Amino acid sequence: MKVRQQWKRHVFRDLRPYICTFATCQTAEKLYATRHEWVYHEMHMHRRKWVCEASCGLEFDSRSTMAKHIPHCHQEPLTDTQLQIMLDMRERPVDDPVPASCPLCPAELMSLRQLH
């Protein structure tokens, strides 16, 4: 029985059945051997938000949108280096648990971390 499980695991890894579900992914052609690798990629590369911690507290779903917002929210001008540092500091993972539909089947997930 253990040999069969090892064989199935080996074949599954060879198939690399997981792909990124984001159309704008810069590595969309990359295949992931394990569910863990795939979820890790999506959580760290795509499922991110940027939070303006100034008086407005707005959240943005892209770095570029946040970058456009900052000059309107902050009175003093920032250098490009300062802006990049601020964007890095304000990046956060998307809050869990937000119910989500599986992009590959009709299943509803309370969290993508369930797949991890």
PDB file of N, CA and C in Angstrom:
ATOM      1  N   MET A   1       0.826  -1.196   0.000  1.00  0.00           N
ATOM      2  CA  MET A   1       0.000   0.000   0.000  1.00  0.00           C
ATOM      3  C   MET A   1       0.869   1.259   0.000  1.00  0.00           C
ATOM      4  N   LYS A   2       1.908   1.260   0.798  1.00  0.00           N
ATOM      5  CA  LYS A   2       2.774   2.429   0.878  1.00  0.00           C
ATOM      6  C   LYS A   2       3.472   2.683  -0.459  1.00  0.00           C
ATOM      7  N   VAL A   3       3.854   1.628  -1.146  1.00  0.00           N
ATOM      8  CA  VAL A   3       4.512   1.763  -2.441  1.00  0.00           C
ATOM      9  C   VAL A   3       3.559   2.414  -3.446  1.00  0.00           C
ATOM     10  N   ARG A   4       2.296   2.036  -3.399  1.00  0.00           N
ATOM     11  CA  ARG A   4       1.303   2.621  -4.308  1.00  0.00           C
ATOM     12  C   ARG A   4       1.141   4.119  -4.041  1.00  0.00           C
ATOM     13  N   GLN A   5       1.090   4.507  -2.779  1.00  0.00           N
ATOM     14  CA  GLN A   5       0.976   5.927  -2.428  1.00  0.00           C
ATOM     15  C   GLN A   5       2.205   6.700  -2.895  1.00  0.00           C
ATOM     16  N   GLN A   6       3.369   6.109  -2.721  1.00  0.00           N
ATOM     17  CA  GLN A   6       4.595   6.763  -3.176  1.00  0.00           C
ATOM     18  C   GLN A   6       4.585   6.914  -4.697  1.00  0.00           C
ATOM     19  N   TRP A   7       4.114   5.889  -5.386  1.00  0.00           N
ATOM     20  CA  TRP A   7       4.032   5.940  -6.843  1.00  0.00           C
ATOM     21  C   TRP A   7       3.071   7.047  -7.283  1.00  0.00           C
ATOM     22  N   LYS A   8       1.907   7.119  -6.660  1.00  0.00           N
ATOM     23  CA  LYS A   8       0.928   8.152  -7.001  1.00  0.00           C
ATOM     24  C   LYS A   8       1.509   9.542  -6.756  1.00  0.00           C
ATOM     25  N   ARG A   9       2.187   9.720  -5.642  1.00  0.00           N
ATOM     26  CA  ARG A   9       2.804  11.007  -5.326  1.00  0.00           C
ATOM     27  C   ARG A   9       3.856  11.366  -6.380  1.00  0.00           C
ATOM     28  N   HIS A  10       4.648  10.381  -6.768  1.00  0.00           N
ATOM     29  CA  HIS A  10       5.681  10.598  -7.783  1.00  0.00           C
ATOM     30  C   HIS A  10       5.056  11.029  -9.115  1.00  0.00           C
ATOM     31  N   VAL A  11       4.046  10.321  -9.566  1.00  0.00           N
ATOM     32  CA  VAL A  11       3.388  10.640 -10.836  1.00  0.00           C
ATOM     33  C   VAL A  11       2.742  12.019 -10.762  1.00  0.00           C
ATOM     34  N   PHE A  12       2.089  12.311  -9.654  1.00  0.00           N
ATOM     35  CA  PHE A  12       1.418  13.601  -9.493  1.00  0.00           C
ATOM     36  C   PHE A  12       2.422  14.743  -9.578  1.00  0.00           C
ATOM     37  N   ARG A  13       3.580  14.577  -8.956  1.00  0.00           N
ATOM     38  CA  ARG A  13       4.616  15.618  -9.034  1.00  0.00           C
ATOM     39  C   ARG A  13       5.136  15.769 -10.460  1.00  0.00           C
ATOM     40  N   ASP A  14       5.277  14.664 -11.164  1.00  0.00           N
ATOM     41  CA  ASP A  14       5.732  14.737 -12.556  1.00  0.00           C
ATOM     42  C   ASP A  14       4.734  15.486 -13.434  1.00  0.00           C
ATOM     43  N   LEU A  15       3.458  15.348 -13.130  1.00  0.00           N
ATOM     44  CA  LEU A  15       2.425  16.014 -13.925  1.00  0.00           C
ATOM     45  C   LEU A  15       2.418  17.529 -13.721  1.00  0.00           C
ATOM     46  N   ARG A  16       2.843  17.978 -12.551  1.00  0.00           N
ATOM     47  CA  ARG A  16       2.819  19.406 -12.197  1.00  0.00           C
ATOM     48  C   ARG A  16       1.455  20.014 -12.555  1.00  0.00           C
ATOM     49  N   PRO A  17       0.423  19.593 -11.852  1.00  0.00           N
ATOM     50  CA  PRO A  17      -0.936  19.950 -12.251  1.00  0.00           C
ATOM     51  C   PRO A  17      -1.423  21.341 -11.844  1.00  0.00           C
ATOM     52  N   TYR A  18      -0.621  22.103 -11.136  1.00  0.00           N
ATOM     53  CA  TYR A  18      -1.103  23.394 -10.642  1.00  0.00           C
ATOM     54  C   TYR A  18      -0.525  24.545 -11.449  1.00  0.00           C
ATOM     55  N   ILE A  19      -1.394  25.504 -11.789  1.00  0.00           N
ATOM     56  CA  ILE A  19      -0.973  26.705 -12.506  1.00  0.00           C
ATOM     57  C   ILE A  19      -1.547  27.926 -11.796  1.00  0.00           C
ATOM     58  N   CYS A  20      -0.943  29.056 -12.016  1.00  0.00           N
ATOM     59  CA  CYS A  20      -1.439  30.291 -11.426  1.00  0.00           C
ATOM     60  C   CYS A  20      -2.776  30.651 -12.068  1.00  0.00           C
ATOM     61  N   THR A  21      -3.710  31.100 -11.255  1.00  0.00           N
ATOM     62  CA  THR A  21      -5.049  31.431 -11.750  1.00  0.00           C
ATOM     63  C   THR A  21      -5.207  32.912 -12.091  1.00  0.00           C
ATOM     64  N   PHE A  22      -4.127  33.678 -12.010  1.00  0.00           N
ATOM     65  CA  PHE A  22      -4.189  35.101 -12.323  1.00  0.00           C
ATOM     66  C   PHE A  22      -3.728  35.337 -13.756  1.00  0.00           C
ATOM     67  N   ALA A  23      -4.599  35.910 -14.560  1.00  0.00           N
ATOM     68  CA  ALA A  23      -4.307  36.140 -15.979  1.00  0.00           C
ATOM     69  C   ALA A  23      -3.111  37.067 -16.179  1.00  0.00           C
ATOM     70  N   THR A  24      -2.872  37.953 -15.242  1.00  0.00           N
ATOM     71  CA  THR A  24      -1.790  38.926 -15.385  1.00  0.00           C
ATOM     72  C   THR A  24      -0.467  38.450 -14.782  1.00  0.00           C
ATOM     73  N   CYS A  25      -0.393  37.205 -14.374  1.00  0.00           N
ATOM     74  CA  CYS A  25       0.820  36.678 -13.744  1.00  0.00           C
ATOM     75  C   CYS A  25       1.988  36.729 -14.728  1.00  0.00           C
ATOM     76  N   GLN A  26       3.121  37.221 -14.255  1.00  0.00           N
ATOM     77  CA  GLN A  26       4.299  37.311 -15.110  1.00  0.00           C
ATOM     78  C   GLN A  26       4.945  35.950 -15.340  1.00  0.00           C
ATOM     79  N   THR A  27       4.584  34.967 -14.522  1.00  0.00           N
ATOM     80  CA  THR A  27       5.099  33.608 -14.710  1.00  0.00           C
ATOM     81  C   THR A  27       3.931  32.643 -14.921  1.00  0.00           C
ATOM     82  N   ALA A  28       2.977  33.065 -15.730  1.00  0.00           N
ATOM     83  CA  ALA A  28       1.753  32.281 -15.943  1.00  0.00           C
ATOM     84  C   ALA A  28       2.033  30.892 -16.510  1.00  0.00           C
ATOM     85  N   GLU A  29       3.134  30.738 -17.210  1.00  0.00           N
ATOM     86  CA  GLU A  29       3.446  29.437 -17.809  1.00  0.00           C
ATOM     87  C   GLU A  29       4.064  28.458 -16.811  1.00  0.00           C
ATOM     88  N   LYS A  30       4.424  28.944 -15.628  1.00  0.00           N
ATOM     89  CA  LYS A  30       5.051  28.072 -14.636  1.00  0.00           C
ATOM     90  C   LYS A  30       4.030  27.082 -14.077  1.00  0.00           C
ATOM     91  N   LEU A  31       4.449  25.841 -13.953  1.00  0.00           N
ATOM     92  CA  LEU A  31       3.608  24.791 -13.384  1.00  0.00           C
ATOM     93  C   LEU A  31       4.142  24.437 -11.999  1.00  0.00           C
ATOM     94  N   TYR A  32       3.238  24.170 -11.078  1.00  0.00           N
ATOM     95  CA  TYR A  32       3.617  23.868  -9.697  1.00  0.00           C
ATOM     96  C   TYR A  32       3.367  22.398  -9.407  1.00  0.00           C
ATOM     97  N   ALA A  33       4.357  21.760  -8.812  1.00  0.00           N
ATOM     98  CA  ALA A  33       4.280  20.325  -8.543  1.00  0.00           C
ATOM     99  C   ALA A  33       3.360  20.000  -7.378  1.00  0.00           C
ATOM    100  N   THR A  34       3.247  20.919  -6.437  1.00  0.00           N
ATOM    101  CA  THR A  34       2.418  20.638  -5.262  1.00  0.00           C
ATOM    102  C   THR A  34       1.412  21.762  -5.032  1.00  0.00           C
ATOM    103  N   ARG A  35       0.364  21.411  -4.360  1.00  0.00           N
ATOM    104  CA  ARG A  35      -0.654  22.393  -3.991  1.00  0.00           C
ATOM    105  C   ARG A  35      -0.038  23.464  -3.091  1.00  0.00           C
ATOM    106  N   HIS A  36       0.845  23.054  -2.215  1.00  0.00           N
ATOM    107  CA  HIS A  36       1.515  23.988  -1.312  1.00  0.00           C
ATOM    108  C   HIS A  36       2.285  25.060  -2.098  1.00  0.00           C
ATOM    109  N   GLU A  37       3.061  24.648  -3.094  1.00  0.00           N
ATOM    110  CA  GLU A  37       3.824  25.600  -3.912  1.00  0.00           C
ATOM    111  C   GLU A  37       2.894  26.573  -4.627  1.00  0.00           C
ATOM    112  N   TRP A  38       1.789  26.060  -5.159  1.00  0.00           N
ATOM    113  CA  TRP A  38       0.830  26.886  -5.889  1.00  0.00           C
ATOM    114  C   TRP A  38       0.163  27.918  -4.973  1.00  0.00           C
ATOM    115  N   VAL A  39      -0.333  27.472  -3.821  1.00  0.00           N
ATOM    116  CA  VAL A  39      -0.991  28.387  -2.886  1.00  0.00           C
ATOM    117  C   VAL A  39       0.012  29.422  -2.381  1.00  0.00           C
ATOM    118  N   TYR A  40       1.224  28.990  -2.092  1.00  0.00           N
ATOM    119  CA  TYR A  40       2.263  29.920  -1.639  1.00  0.00           C
ATOM    120  C   TYR A  40       2.484  31.013  -2.690  1.00  0.00           C
ATOM    121  N   HIS A  41       2.601  30.611  -3.949  1.00  0.00           N
ATOM    122  CA  HIS A  41       2.793  31.581  -5.037  1.00  0.00           C
ATOM    123  C   HIS A  41       1.639  32.582  -5.077  1.00  0.00           C
ATOM    124  N   GLU A  42       0.420  32.092  -5.072  1.00  0.00           N
ATOM    125  CA  GLU A  42      -0.728  32.998  -5.185  1.00  0.00           C
ATOM    126  C   GLU A  42      -0.848  33.918  -3.969  1.00  0.00           C
ATOM    127  N   MET A  43      -0.583  33.401  -2.788  1.00  0.00           N
ATOM    128  CA  MET A  43      -0.709  34.222  -1.581  1.00  0.00           C
ATOM    129  C   MET A  43       0.382  35.284  -1.493  1.00  0.00           C
ATOM    130  N   HIS A  44       1.571  34.983  -1.999  1.00  0.00           N
ATOM    131  CA  HIS A  44       2.677  35.931  -1.872  1.00  0.00           C
ATOM    132  C   HIS A  44       2.884  36.822  -3.091  1.00  0.00           C
ATOM    133  N   MET A  45       2.357  36.411  -4.226  1.00  0.00           N
ATOM    134  CA  MET A  45       2.560  37.205  -5.434  1.00  0.00           C
ATOM    135  C   MET A  45       1.311  37.964  -5.878  1.00  0.00           C
ATOM    136  N   HIS A  46       0.144  37.466  -5.560  1.00  0.00           N
ATOM    137  CA  HIS A  46      -1.073  38.066  -6.105  1.00  0.00           C
ATOM    138  C   HIS A  46      -2.087  38.496  -5.052  1.00  0.00           C
ATOM    139  N   ARG A  47      -2.297  37.707  -4.097  1.00  0.00           N
ATOM    140  CA  ARG A  47      -3.349  37.997  -3.111  1.00  0.00           C
ATOM    141  C   ARG A  47      -2.790  38.939  -2.045  1.00  0.00           C
ATOM    142  N   ARG A  48      -2.529  40.175  -2.497  1.00  0.00           N
ATOM    143  CA  ARG A  48      -1.910  41.204  -1.666  1.00  0.00           C
ATOM    144  C   ARG A  48      -2.771  42.460  -1.694  1.00  0.00           C
ATOM    145  N   LYS A  49      -2.572  43.306  -0.718  1.00  0.00           N
ATOM    146  CA  LYS A  49      -3.226  44.613  -0.703  1.00  0.00           C
ATOM    147  C   LYS A  49      -2.250  45.622  -0.120  1.00  0.00           C
ATOM    148  N   TRP A  50      -2.525  46.886  -0.379  1.00  0.00           N
ATOM    149  CA  TRP A  50      -1.712  47.976   0.141  1.00  0.00           C
ATOM    150  C   TRP A  50      -2.634  48.881   0.945  1.00  0.00           C
ATOM    151  N   VAL A  51      -2.230  49.186   2.169  1.00  0.00           N
ATOM    152  CA  VAL A  51      -3.073  49.937   3.086  1.00  0.00           C
ATOM    153  C   VAL A  51      -2.446  51.300   3.351  1.00  0.00           C
ATOM    154  N   CYS A  52      -3.217  52.346   3.105  1.00  0.00           N
ATOM    155  CA  CYS A  52      -2.769  53.702   3.412  1.00  0.00           C
ATOM    156  C   CYS A  52      -3.045  53.935   4.890  1.00  0.00           C
ATOM    157  N   GLU A  53      -1.997  53.974   5.659  1.00  0.00           N
ATOM    158  CA  GLU A  53      -2.162  54.097   7.105  1.00  0.00           C
ATOM    159  C   GLU A  53      -2.186  55.545   7.562  1.00  0.00           C
ATOM    160  N   ALA A  54      -2.291  56.455   6.613  1.00  0.00           N
ATOM    161  CA  ALA A  54      -2.475  57.861   6.973  1.00  0.00           C
ATOM    162  C   ALA A  54      -3.923  58.026   7.422  1.00  0.00           C
ATOM    163  N   SER A  55      -4.410  59.197   7.434  1.00  0.00           N
ATOM    164  CA  SER A  55      -5.747  59.450   7.968  1.00  0.00           C
ATOM    165  C   SER A  55      -6.863  58.740   7.213  1.00  0.00           C
ATOM    166  N   CYS A  56      -6.665  58.406   5.938  1.00  0.00           N
ATOM    167  CA  CYS A  56      -7.764  57.839   5.152  1.00  0.00           C
ATOM    168  C   CYS A  56      -7.990  56.349   5.401  1.00  0.00           C
ATOM    169  N   GLY A  57      -6.931  55.553   5.610  1.00  0.00           N
ATOM    170  CA  GLY A  57      -7.071  54.128   5.869  1.00  0.00           C
ATOM    171  C   GLY A  57      -7.585  53.308   4.697  1.00  0.00           C
ATOM    172  N   LEU A  58      -7.521  53.851   3.486  1.00  0.00           N
ATOM    173  CA  LEU A  58      -8.011  53.125   2.312  1.00  0.00           C
ATOM    174  C   LEU A  58      -7.119  51.936   1.980  1.00  0.00           C
ATOM    175  N   GLU A  59      -7.718  50.933   1.331  1.00  0.00           N
ATOM    176  CA  GLU A  59      -6.984  49.755   0.878  1.00  0.00           C
ATOM    177  C   GLU A  59      -7.003  49.713  -0.641  1.00  0.00           C
ATOM    178  N   PHE A  60      -5.891  49.258  -1.224  1.00  0.00           N
ATOM    179  CA  PHE A  60      -5.755  49.198  -2.675  1.00  0.00           C
ATOM    180  C   PHE A  60      -5.333  47.798  -3.085  1.00  0.00           C
ATOM    181  N   ASP A  61      -5.812  47.362  -4.246  1.00  0.00           N
ATOM    182  CA  ASP A  61      -5.495  46.007  -4.692  1.00  0.00           C
ATOM    183  C   ASP A  61      -4.284  45.945  -5.615  1.00  0.00           C
ATOM    184  N   SER A  62      -3.640  47.081  -5.840  1.00  0.00           N
ATOM    185  CA  SER A  62      -2.408  47.055  -6.629  1.00  0.00           C
ATOM    186  C   SER A  62      -1.424  48.093  -6.099  1.00  0.00           C
ATOM    187  N   ARG A  63      -0.174  47.796  -6.288  1.00  0.00           N
ATOM    188  CA  ARG A  63       0.901  48.693  -5.860  1.00  0.00           C
ATOM    189  C   ARG A  63       0.818  50.018  -6.619  1.00  0.00           C
ATOM    190  N   SER A  64       0.515  49.939  -7.917  1.00  0.00           N
ATOM    191  CA  SER A  64       0.474  51.155  -8.731  1.00  0.00           C
ATOM    192  C   SER A  64      -0.672  52.082  -8.318  1.00  0.00           C
ATOM    193  N   THR A  65      -1.806  51.513  -7.950  1.00  0.00           N
ATOM    194  CA  THR A  65      -2.930  52.339  -7.502  1.00  0.00           C
ATOM    195  C   THR A  65      -2.586  53.040  -6.195  1.00  0.00           C
ATOM    196  N   MET A  66      -1.938  52.325  -5.303  1.00  0.00           N
ATOM    197  CA  MET A  66      -1.504  52.931  -4.040  1.00  0.00           C
ATOM    198  C   MET A  66      -0.484  54.035  -4.316  1.00  0.00           C
ATOM    199  N   ALA A  67       0.418  53.800  -5.258  1.00  0.00           N
ATOM    200  CA  ALA A  67       1.437  54.803  -5.591  1.00  0.00           C
ATOM    201  C   ALA A  67       0.801  56.086  -6.120  1.00  0.00           C
ATOM    202  N   LYS A  68      -0.279  55.956  -6.859  1.00  0.00           N
ATOM    203  CA  LYS A  68      -0.984  57.138  -7.370  1.00  0.00           C
ATOM    204  C   LYS A  68      -1.726  57.865  -6.245  1.00  0.00           C
ATOM    205  N   HIS A  69      -2.174  57.119  -5.254  1.00  0.00           N
ATOM    206  CA  HIS A  69      -2.935  57.694  -4.145  1.00  0.00           C
ATOM    207  C   HIS A  69      -2.054  58.497  -3.185  1.00  0.00           C
ATOM    208  N   ILE A  70      -0.860  58.026  -2.911  1.00  0.00           N
ATOM    209  CA  ILE A  70      -0.012  58.618  -1.868  1.00  0.00           C
ATOM    210  C   ILE A  70       0.212  60.124  -2.040  1.00  0.00           C
ATOM    211  N   PRO A  71       0.521  60.636  -3.229  1.00  0.00           N
ATOM    212  CA  PRO A  71       0.713  62.090  -3.343  1.00  0.00           C
ATOM    213  C   PRO A  71      -0.534  62.900  -2.961  1.00  0.00           C
ATOM    214  N   HIS A  72      -1.705  62.317  -3.130  1.00  0.00           N
ATOM    215  CA  HIS A  72      -2.939  63.016  -2.769  1.00  0.00           C
ATOM    216  C   HIS A  72      -3.195  62.965  -1.269  1.00  0.00           C
ATOM    217  N   CYS A  73      -2.659  61.966  -0.615  1.00  0.00           N
ATOM    218  CA  CYS A  73      -2.918  61.754   0.807  1.00  0.00           C
ATOM    219  C   CYS A  73      -1.861  62.423   1.687  1.00  0.00           C
ATOM    220  N   HIS A  74      -0.656  62.515   1.184  1.00  0.00           N
ATOM    221  CA  HIS A  74       0.455  63.058   1.970  1.00  0.00           C
ATOM    222  C   HIS A  74       0.838  64.428   1.432  1.00  0.00           C
ATOM    223  N   GLN A  75       1.021  65.357   2.320  1.00  0.00           N
ATOM    224  CA  GLN A  75       1.276  66.735   1.914  1.00  0.00           C
ATOM    225  C   GLN A  75       2.701  66.957   1.426  1.00  0.00           C
ATOM    226  N   GLU A  76       3.657  66.314   2.058  1.00  0.00           N
ATOM    227  CA  GLU A  76       5.038  66.549   1.642  1.00  0.00           C
ATOM    228  C   GLU A  76       5.412  65.637   0.479  1.00  0.00           C
ATOM    229  N   PRO A  77       6.141  66.171  -0.491  1.00  0.00           N
ATOM    230  CA  PRO A  77       6.527  65.349  -1.645  1.00  0.00           C
ATOM    231  C   PRO A  77       7.531  64.265  -1.241  1.00  0.00           C
ATOM    232  N   LEU A  78       7.438  63.136  -1.908  1.00  0.00           N
ATOM    233  CA  LEU A  78       8.335  62.015  -1.637  1.00  0.00           C
ATOM    234  C   LEU A  78       9.235  61.774  -2.841  1.00  0.00           C
ATOM    235  N   THR A  79      10.459  61.383  -2.566  1.00  0.00           N
ATOM    236  CA  THR A  79      11.333  60.961  -3.660  1.00  0.00           C
ATOM    237  C   THR A  79      10.855  59.589  -4.124  1.00  0.00           C
ATOM    238  N   ASP A  80      11.316  59.163  -5.276  1.00  0.00           N
ATOM    239  CA  ASP A  80      10.927  57.848  -5.783  1.00  0.00           C
ATOM    240  C   ASP A  80      11.369  56.744  -4.818  1.00  0.00           C
ATOM    241  N   THR A  81      12.552  56.897  -4.246  1.00  0.00           N
ATOM    242  CA  THR A  81      13.051  55.909  -3.281  1.00  0.00           C
ATOM    243  C   THR A  81      12.157  55.856  -2.049  1.00  0.00           C
ATOM    244  N   GLN A  82      11.779  57.014  -1.533  1.00  0.00           N
ATOM    245  CA  GLN A  82      10.889  57.058  -0.368  1.00  0.00           C
ATOM    246  C   GLN A  82       9.535  56.429  -0.686  1.00  0.00           C
ATOM    247  N   LEU A  83       9.027  56.705  -1.879  1.00  0.00           N
ATOM    248  CA  LEU A  83       7.746  56.140  -2.290  1.00  0.00           C
ATOM    249  C   LEU A  83       7.819  54.617  -2.342  1.00  0.00           C
ATOM    250  N   GLN A  84       8.889  54.081  -2.917  1.00  0.00           N
ATOM    251  CA  GLN A  84       9.039  52.624  -3.009  1.00  0.00           C
ATOM    252  C   GLN A  84       9.132  51.988  -1.620  1.00  0.00           C
ATOM    253  N   ILE A  85       9.839  52.637  -0.714  1.00  0.00           N
ATOM    254  CA  ILE A  85       9.951  52.129   0.661  1.00  0.00           C
ATOM    255  C   ILE A  85       8.586  52.153   1.340  1.00  0.00           C
ATOM    256  N   MET A  86       7.852  53.231   1.147  1.00  0.00           N
ATOM    257  CA  MET A  86       6.522  53.343   1.747  1.00  0.00           C
ATOM    258  C   MET A  86       5.595  52.247   1.207  1.00  0.00           C
ATOM    259  N   LEU A  87       5.655  51.999  -0.091  1.00  0.00           N
ATOM    260  CA  LEU A  87       4.823  50.950  -0.683  1.00  0.00           C
ATOM    261  C   LEU A  87       5.190  49.581  -0.116  1.00  0.00           C
ATOM    262  N   ASP A  88       6.475  49.320   0.034  1.00  0.00           N
ATOM    263  CA  ASP A  88       6.919  48.047   0.620  1.00  0.00           C
ATOM    264  C   ASP A  88       6.391  47.887   2.046  1.00  0.00           C
ATOM    265  N   MET A  89       6.431  48.970   2.803  1.00  0.00           N
ATOM    266  CA  MET A  89       6.009  48.908   4.206  1.00  0.00           C
ATOM    267  C   MET A  89       4.498  48.737   4.361  1.00  0.00           C
ATOM    268  N   ARG A  90       3.751  49.128   3.371  1.00  0.00           N
ATOM    269  CA  ARG A  90       2.288  49.094   3.486  1.00  0.00           C
ATOM    270  C   ARG A  90       1.648  47.908   2.767  1.00  0.00           C
ATOM    271  N   GLU A  91       2.465  47.017   2.255  1.00  0.00           N
ATOM    272  CA  GLU A  91       1.938  45.824   1.595  1.00  0.00           C
ATOM    273  C   GLU A  91       1.526  44.798   2.644  1.00  0.00           C
ATOM    274  N   ARG A  92       0.355  44.200   2.450  1.00  0.00           N
ATOM    275  CA  ARG A  92      -0.192  43.225   3.391  1.00  0.00           C
ATOM    276  C   ARG A  92      -0.803  42.057   2.623  1.00  0.00           C
ATOM    277  N   PRO A  93      -0.889  40.894   3.259  1.00  0.00           N
ATOM    278  CA  PRO A  93      -1.650  39.806   2.629  1.00  0.00           C
ATOM    279  C   PRO A  93      -3.136  40.143   2.670  1.00  0.00           C
ATOM    280  N   VAL A  94      -3.860  39.654   1.697  1.00  0.00           N
ATOM    281  CA  VAL A  94      -5.310  39.835   1.708  1.00  0.00           C
ATOM    282  C   VAL A  94      -5.854  39.086   2.913  1.00  0.00           C
ATOM    283  N   ASP A  95      -6.751  39.725   3.626  1.00  0.00           N
ATOM    284  CA  ASP A  95      -7.308  39.117   4.832  1.00  0.00           C
ATOM    285  C   ASP A  95      -8.005  37.804   4.529  1.00  0.00           C
ATOM    286  N   ASP A  96      -7.806  36.860   5.388  1.00  0.00           N
ATOM    287  CA  ASP A  96      -8.514  35.591   5.371  1.00  0.00           C
ATOM    288  C   ASP A  96      -9.379  35.595   6.617  1.00  0.00           C
ATOM    289  N   PRO A  97     -10.444  35.001   6.733  1.00  0.00           N
ATOM    290  CA  PRO A  97     -11.102  34.161   5.752  1.00  0.00           C
ATOM    291  C   PRO A  97     -12.135  34.934   4.942  1.00  0.00           C
ATOM    292  N   VAL A  98     -11.878  35.084   3.695  1.00  0.00           N
ATOM    293  CA  VAL A  98     -12.856  35.645   2.771  1.00  0.00           C
ATOM    294  C   VAL A  98     -13.339  34.488   1.912  1.00  0.00           C
ATOM    295  N   PRO A  99     -14.623  34.171   1.957  1.00  0.00           N
ATOM    296  CA  PRO A  99     -15.096  33.054   1.136  1.00  0.00           C
ATOM    297  C   PRO A  99     -14.733  33.280  -0.326  1.00  0.00           C
ATOM    298  N   ALA A 100     -14.269  32.232  -0.963  1.00  0.00           N
ATOM    299  CA  ALA A 100     -13.850  32.342  -2.356  1.00  0.00           C
ATOM    300  C   ALA A 100     -14.293  31.114  -3.123  1.00  0.00           C
ATOM    301  N   SER A 101     -14.555  31.315  -4.382  1.00  0.00           N
ATOM    302  CA  SER A 101     -14.860  30.192  -5.256  1.00  0.00           C
ATOM    303  C   SER A 101     -13.552  29.636  -5.775  1.00  0.00           C
ATOM    304  N   CYS A 102     -13.488  28.346  -5.873  1.00  0.00           N
ATOM    305  CA  CYS A 102     -12.324  27.719  -6.475  1.00  0.00           C
ATOM    306  C   CYS A 102     -12.285  28.134  -7.939  1.00  0.00           C
ATOM    307  N   PRO A 103     -11.132  28.595  -8.433  1.00  0.00           N
ATOM    308  CA  PRO A 103     -11.066  29.007  -9.835  1.00  0.00           C
ATOM    309  C   PRO A 103     -11.105  27.837 -10.815  1.00  0.00           C
ATOM    310  N   LEU A 104     -11.005  26.619 -10.304  1.00  0.00           N
ATOM    311  CA  LEU A 104     -10.953  25.450 -11.177  1.00  0.00           C
ATOM    312  C   LEU A 104     -12.200  24.576 -11.131  1.00  0.00           C
ATOM    313  N   CYS A 105     -13.009  24.733 -10.078  1.00  0.00           N
ATOM    314  CA  CYS A 105     -14.220  23.921  -9.949  1.00  0.00           C
ATOM    315  C   CYS A 105     -15.271  24.735  -9.189  1.00  0.00           C
ATOM    316  N   PRO A 106     -16.488  24.239  -9.050  1.00  0.00           N
ATOM    317  CA  PRO A 106     -17.538  25.026  -8.390  1.00  0.00           C
ATOM    318  C   PRO A 106     -17.474  25.048  -6.855  1.00  0.00           C
ATOM    319  N   ALA A 107     -16.461  24.481  -6.254  1.00  0.00           N
ATOM    320  CA  ALA A 107     -16.385  24.418  -4.790  1.00  0.00           C
ATOM    321  C   ALA A 107     -16.238  25.810  -4.181  1.00  0.00           C
ATOM    322  N   GLU A 108     -16.848  25.998  -3.025  1.00  0.00           N
ATOM    323  CA  GLU A 108     -16.704  27.235  -2.257  1.00  0.00           C
ATOM    324  C   GLU A 108     -15.730  26.964  -1.118  1.00  0.00           C
ATOM    325  N   LEU A 109     -14.761  27.829  -0.955  1.00  0.00           N
ATOM    326  CA  LEU A 109     -13.765  27.677   0.101  1.00  0.00           C
ATOM    327  C   LEU A 109     -13.910  28.826   1.081  1.00  0.00           C
ATOM    328  N   MET A 110     -13.791  28.536   2.340  1.00  0.00           N
ATOM    329  CA  MET A 110     -13.795  29.608   3.330  1.00  0.00           C
ATOM    330  C   MET A 110     -12.474  30.365   3.280  1.00  0.00           C
ATOM    331  N   SER A 111     -11.430  29.695   2.820  1.00  0.00           N
ATOM    332  CA  SER A 111     -10.115  30.305   2.770  1.00  0.00           C
ATOM    333  C   SER A 111      -9.239  29.521   1.810  1.00  0.00           C
ATOM    334  N   LEU A 112      -8.373  30.219   1.088  1.00  0.00           N
ATOM    335  CA  LEU A 112      -7.412  29.507   0.245  1.00  0.00           C
ATOM    336  C   LEU A 112      -6.418  28.740   1.092  1.00  0.00           C
ATOM    337  N   ARG A 113      -6.267  29.142   2.324  1.00  0.00           N
ATOM    338  CA  ARG A 113      -5.347  28.435   3.208  1.00  0.00           C
ATOM    339  C   ARG A 113      -5.813  27.001   3.465  1.00  0.00           C
ATOM    340  N   GLN A 114      -7.092  26.713   3.196  1.00  0.00           N
ATOM    341  CA  GLN A 114      -7.580  25.341   3.306  1.00  0.00           C
ATOM    342  C   GLN A 114      -6.836  24.434   2.334  1.00  0.00           C
ATOM    343  N   LEU A 115      -6.369  25.000   1.243  1.00  0.00           N
ATOM    344  CA  LEU A 115      -5.672  24.213   0.232  1.00  0.00           C
ATOM    345  C   LEU A 115      -4.205  24.015   0.564  1.00  0.00           C
ATOM    346  N   HIS A 116      -3.696  24.798   1.441  1.00  0.00           N
ATOM    347  CA  HIS A 116      -2.268  24.824   1.757  1.00  0.00           C
ATOM    348  C   HIS A 116      -1.787  23.525   2.308  1.00  0.00           C
TER     349      HIS A 116
END
